[in-house]
Amino acid sequence: MIIKVCGLRENEQIKQLDKLSSVNWLGSIFYNQSKRYVDASSKNISESKKVGVFVNEKLLKMNEIAIKNNLDILQLHGSETPEICASLKLRYFIIKAFGIDDNFNFDQLKEYENSVDYFLFDTKTIDHGGSGRQFNWQVLQKYKLKTPFLLSGGINANSVNEIKEFNHHSFVGIDLNSGFENAPGDKNIEKIKQFIEELEN
């Protein structure tokens, strides 16, 4: 299972998580309306597992930030089109995020299928994620495509059994963020370690 920790800002925490073999991707948010925003010039990104999160950013700006920070993966949380995703996919792995509620129309994802590497399904909010709330995962049984997806939204230390019991042919990973924080952008490393240990046992 892919384990991604997102919303990172602190260099020391990034270094600690970088050493954990079970953590596959570390993400920082380059969206200036986020409480976990990282300035593009700070370069406080993991040395090995680098994800940059963007919301409706211009292509040129995304490329500039990605090059400056040696990003491998771009996670797009806005209304980015399949064409934008396909253009970026020539150079990076692409995660396209969608906010999910009980009325989400999964048919709209078909046009993205060849333009992205992963989908990320988060709780629908007006703030493009980070709500700390979980949506009804059973809605995802309506998702029939083969593009793999990660679960996000409200995952916390008490979610281990629910994750273990969740079954879907395209489910490949989880995204950890606000459920493992002392404050926005300040991760509780011990809580993350304990959660991963319980998940793997």
Protein backbone atom coordinates (compact mmCIF):
# COMPACT_ATOMS: atom_id res chain seq x y z
CA MET A 1 0.00 0.00 0.00
CA ILE A 2 1.24 3.47 -0.91
CA ILE A 3 1.49 5.73 2.13
CA LYS A 4 1.69 9.44 1.42
CA VAL A 5 2.11 12.11 4.08
CA CYS A 6 1.03 15.54 2.88
CA GLY A 7 1.02 19.12 4.10
CA LEU A 8 4.64 19.04 5.26
CA ARG A 9 6.53 22.22 6.07
CA GLU A 10 9.11 21.42 8.75
CA ASN A 11 12.52 20.29 7.50
CA GLU A 12 13.23 18.12 10.53
CA GLN A 13 9.91 16.30 10.17
CA ILE A 14 10.54 15.75 6.47
CA LYS A 15 13.93 14.21 7.31
CA GLN A 16 12.38 11.90 9.91
CA LEU A 17 9.65 10.71 7.56
CA ASP A 18 12.13 10.32 4.72
CA LYS A 19 13.88 7.64 6.77
CA LEU A 20 10.73 5.53 7.15
CA SER A 21 10.74 2.83 4.47
CA SER A 22 6.94 2.44 4.71
CA VAL A 23 6.33 6.07 3.74
CA ASN A 24 6.42 6.23 -0.05
CA TRP A 25 5.63 9.87 -0.84
CA LEU A 26 6.02 13.15 1.02
CA GLY A 27 3.99 16.12 -0.14
CA SER A 28 4.16 19.87 0.29
CA ILE A 29 1.40 22.27 -0.70
CA PHE A 30 2.18 25.13 -3.08
CA TYR A 31 -1.30 26.64 -2.89
CA ASN A 32 -1.13 29.95 -1.07
CA GLN A 33 -4.66 29.74 0.31
CA SER A 34 -3.80 26.59 2.26
CA LYS A 35 -3.00 26.62 5.98
CA ARG A 36 -0.11 24.32 5.08
CA TYR A 37 1.30 26.48 2.28
CA VAL A 38 4.99 26.19 1.49
CA ASP A 39 6.73 29.05 -0.29
CA ALA A 40 8.13 27.78 -3.58
CA SER A 41 11.55 29.23 -2.83
CA SER A 42 11.95 27.43 0.49
CA LYS A 43 12.92 24.09 -1.09
CA ASN A 44 12.10 22.24 2.12
CA ILE A 45 11.13 19.09 0.28
CA SER A 46 12.14 15.47 0.77
CA GLU A 47 15.32 14.32 -0.91
CA SER A 48 13.70 11.23 -2.36
CA LYS A 49 9.88 11.12 -2.44
CA LYS A 50 8.61 14.43 -3.67
CA VAL A 51 5.00 15.45 -4.32
CA GLY A 52 3.89 19.01 -4.97
CA VAL A 53 0.23 19.95 -4.47
CA PHE A 54 -1.27 22.65 -6.70
CA VAL A 55 -4.71 24.22 -7.19
CA ASN A 56 -5.50 25.82 -10.56
CA GLU A 57 -1.92 26.97 -10.98
CA LYS A 58 -0.56 28.09 -14.36
CA LEU A 59 1.40 25.47 -16.30
CA LEU A 60 4.55 27.58 -16.47
CA LYS A 61 4.48 28.24 -12.71
CA MET A 62 3.96 24.57 -11.90
CA ASN A 63 6.91 23.63 -14.09
CA GLU A 64 9.09 26.28 -12.46
CA ILE A 65 8.25 25.08 -8.95
CA ALA A 66 8.61 21.42 -9.94
CA ILE A 67 12.07 21.99 -11.41
CA LYS A 68 13.24 24.13 -8.50
CA ASN A 69 12.13 21.53 -5.96
CA ASN A 70 12.97 18.40 -7.99
CA LEU A 71 9.38 17.17 -7.82
CA ASP A 72 8.56 13.71 -9.14
CA ILE A 73 4.80 13.88 -8.71
CA LEU A 74 2.30 16.72 -9.16
CA GLN A 75 -1.01 16.50 -7.30
CA LEU A 76 -3.71 18.68 -8.83
CA HIS A 77 -6.62 19.71 -6.61
CA GLY A 78 -8.42 22.27 -8.76
CA SER A 79 -10.40 22.22 -11.99
CA GLU A 80 -7.43 21.22 -14.13
CA THR A 81 -8.52 19.78 -17.48
CA PRO A 82 -7.49 16.42 -18.93
CA GLU A 83 -5.39 18.36 -21.44
CA ILE A 84 -3.42 20.11 -18.68
CA CYS A 85 -2.92 16.80 -16.90
CA ALA A 86 -1.75 15.12 -20.11
CA SER A 87 0.73 17.92 -20.79
CA LEU A 88 2.26 17.60 -17.32
CA LYS A 89 2.22 13.80 -17.52
CA LEU A 90 4.88 13.97 -20.22
CA ARG A 91 7.34 14.96 -17.49
CA TYR A 92 5.85 14.00 -14.12
CA PHE A 93 3.63 11.46 -12.47
CA ILE A 94 0.19 13.03 -12.05
CA ILE A 95 -2.34 12.63 -9.24
CA LYS A 96 -5.70 14.25 -9.94
CA ALA A 97 -7.76 14.89 -6.82
CA PHE A 98 -11.53 14.99 -6.68
CA GLY A 99 -13.80 15.96 -3.79
CA ILE A 100 -16.33 13.21 -3.19
CA ASP A 101 -19.81 13.31 -1.71
CA ASP A 102 -22.77 10.94 -2.00
CA ASN A 103 -23.84 12.52 -5.30
CA PHE A 104 -20.47 12.47 -7.07
CA ASN A 105 -20.69 11.54 -10.76
CA PHE A 106 -17.87 9.10 -11.48
CA ASP A 107 -18.55 9.21 -15.23
CA GLN A 108 -16.65 12.51 -15.38
CA LEU A 109 -13.43 10.66 -14.59
CA LYS A 110 -13.41 8.73 -17.87
CA GLU A 111 -11.92 11.65 -19.79
CA TYR A 112 -9.00 11.78 -17.32
CA GLU A 113 -8.19 8.08 -17.49
CA ASN A 114 -5.32 8.37 -19.96
CA SER A 115 -4.11 11.73 -18.63
CA VAL A 116 -3.26 10.84 -15.03
CA ASP A 117 -1.41 8.12 -13.15
CA TYR A 118 -3.56 8.17 -10.04
CA PHE A 119 -6.77 9.64 -8.72
CA LEU A 120 -7.02 10.88 -5.15
CA PHE A 121 -10.48 10.84 -3.60
CA ASP A 122 -10.93 13.41 -0.84
CA THR A 123 -13.89 14.77 1.09
CA LYS A 124 -15.70 17.45 -0.92
CA THR A 125 -15.15 20.92 0.55
CA ILE A 126 -14.91 24.49 -0.73
CA ASP A 127 -11.29 24.60 0.44
CA HIS A 128 -9.79 21.89 -1.84
CA GLY A 129 -9.17 19.40 0.97
CA GLY A 130 -7.71 19.58 4.45
CA SER A 131 -11.10 19.39 6.15
CA GLY A 132 -10.25 16.52 8.48
CA ARG A 133 -13.60 14.95 7.59
CA GLN A 134 -14.12 11.55 5.99
CA PHE A 135 -16.58 10.91 3.19
CA ASN A 136 -18.56 7.68 2.79
CA TRP A 137 -16.03 5.30 1.26
CA GLN A 138 -18.78 2.95 0.10
CA VAL A 139 -19.65 5.51 -2.58
CA LEU A 140 -16.43 4.42 -4.29
CA GLN A 141 -18.02 1.11 -5.25
CA LYS A 142 -19.51 3.14 -8.10
CA TYR A 143 -15.99 3.75 -9.43
CA LYS A 144 -15.37 1.18 -12.18
CA LEU A 145 -12.23 2.48 -13.92
CA LYS A 146 -8.79 0.86 -13.75
CA THR A 147 -6.82 4.01 -12.86
CA PRO A 148 -5.55 3.40 -9.29
CA PHE A 149 -6.63 5.72 -6.51
CA LEU A 150 -5.60 6.88 -3.05
CA LEU A 151 -8.00 7.55 -0.19
CA SER A 152 -7.82 10.90 1.55
CA GLY A 153 -9.96 12.97 3.89
CA GLY A 154 -10.29 12.45 7.62
CA ILE A 155 -7.92 9.49 7.94
CA ASN A 156 -6.58 9.39 11.50
CA ALA A 157 -5.11 7.07 14.12
CA ASN A 158 -8.50 5.35 14.53
CA SER A 159 -8.87 4.50 10.84
CA VAL A 160 -6.67 1.38 10.77
CA ASN A 161 -9.41 -1.26 10.84
CA GLU A 162 -11.59 0.60 8.36
CA ILE A 163 -8.67 0.85 5.91
CA LYS A 164 -7.88 -2.85 6.31
CA GLU A 165 -11.51 -3.75 5.66
CA PHE A 166 -11.94 -1.44 2.67
CA ASN A 167 -11.85 -3.43 -0.57
CA HIS A 168 -11.72 -2.07 -4.11
CA HIS A 169 -9.82 -3.34 -7.16
CA SER A 170 -8.25 0.08 -7.82
CA PHE A 171 -7.44 1.09 -4.24
CA VAL A 172 -3.66 1.38 -3.84
CA GLY A 173 -2.90 3.83 -1.06
CA ILE A 174 -3.75 6.43 1.56
CA ASP A 175 -2.99 10.10 2.08
CA LEU A 176 -2.28 11.26 5.64
CA ASN A 177 -2.58 14.89 6.62
CA SER A 178 -4.63 16.75 9.23
CA GLY A 179 -5.44 13.64 11.29
CA PHE A 180 -1.77 13.39 12.27
CA GLU A 181 -1.00 16.99 13.19
CA ASN A 182 -0.32 18.96 16.33
CA ALA A 183 -1.20 22.07 14.31
CA PRO A 184 -1.52 22.78 10.55
CA GLY A 185 1.77 21.75 8.94
CA ASP A 186 3.19 20.37 12.20
CA LYS A 187 3.05 16.58 11.98
CA ASN A 188 3.00 14.22 14.94
CA ILE A 189 5.73 11.83 13.82
CA GLU A 190 5.21 9.31 16.61
CA LYS A 191 1.51 9.10 15.83
CA ILE A 192 2.33 8.43 12.17
CA LYS A 193 4.84 5.72 13.12
CA GLN A 194 2.35 4.00 15.43
CA PHE A 195 -0.40 4.17 12.81
CA ILE A 196 1.83 2.58 10.16
CA GLU A 197 2.91 -0.16 12.58
CA GLU A 198 -0.72 -1.02 13.35
CA LEU A 199 -1.62 -0.90 9.66
CA GLU A 200 1.16 -3.33 8.75
CA ASN A 201 0.39 -5.85 11.53
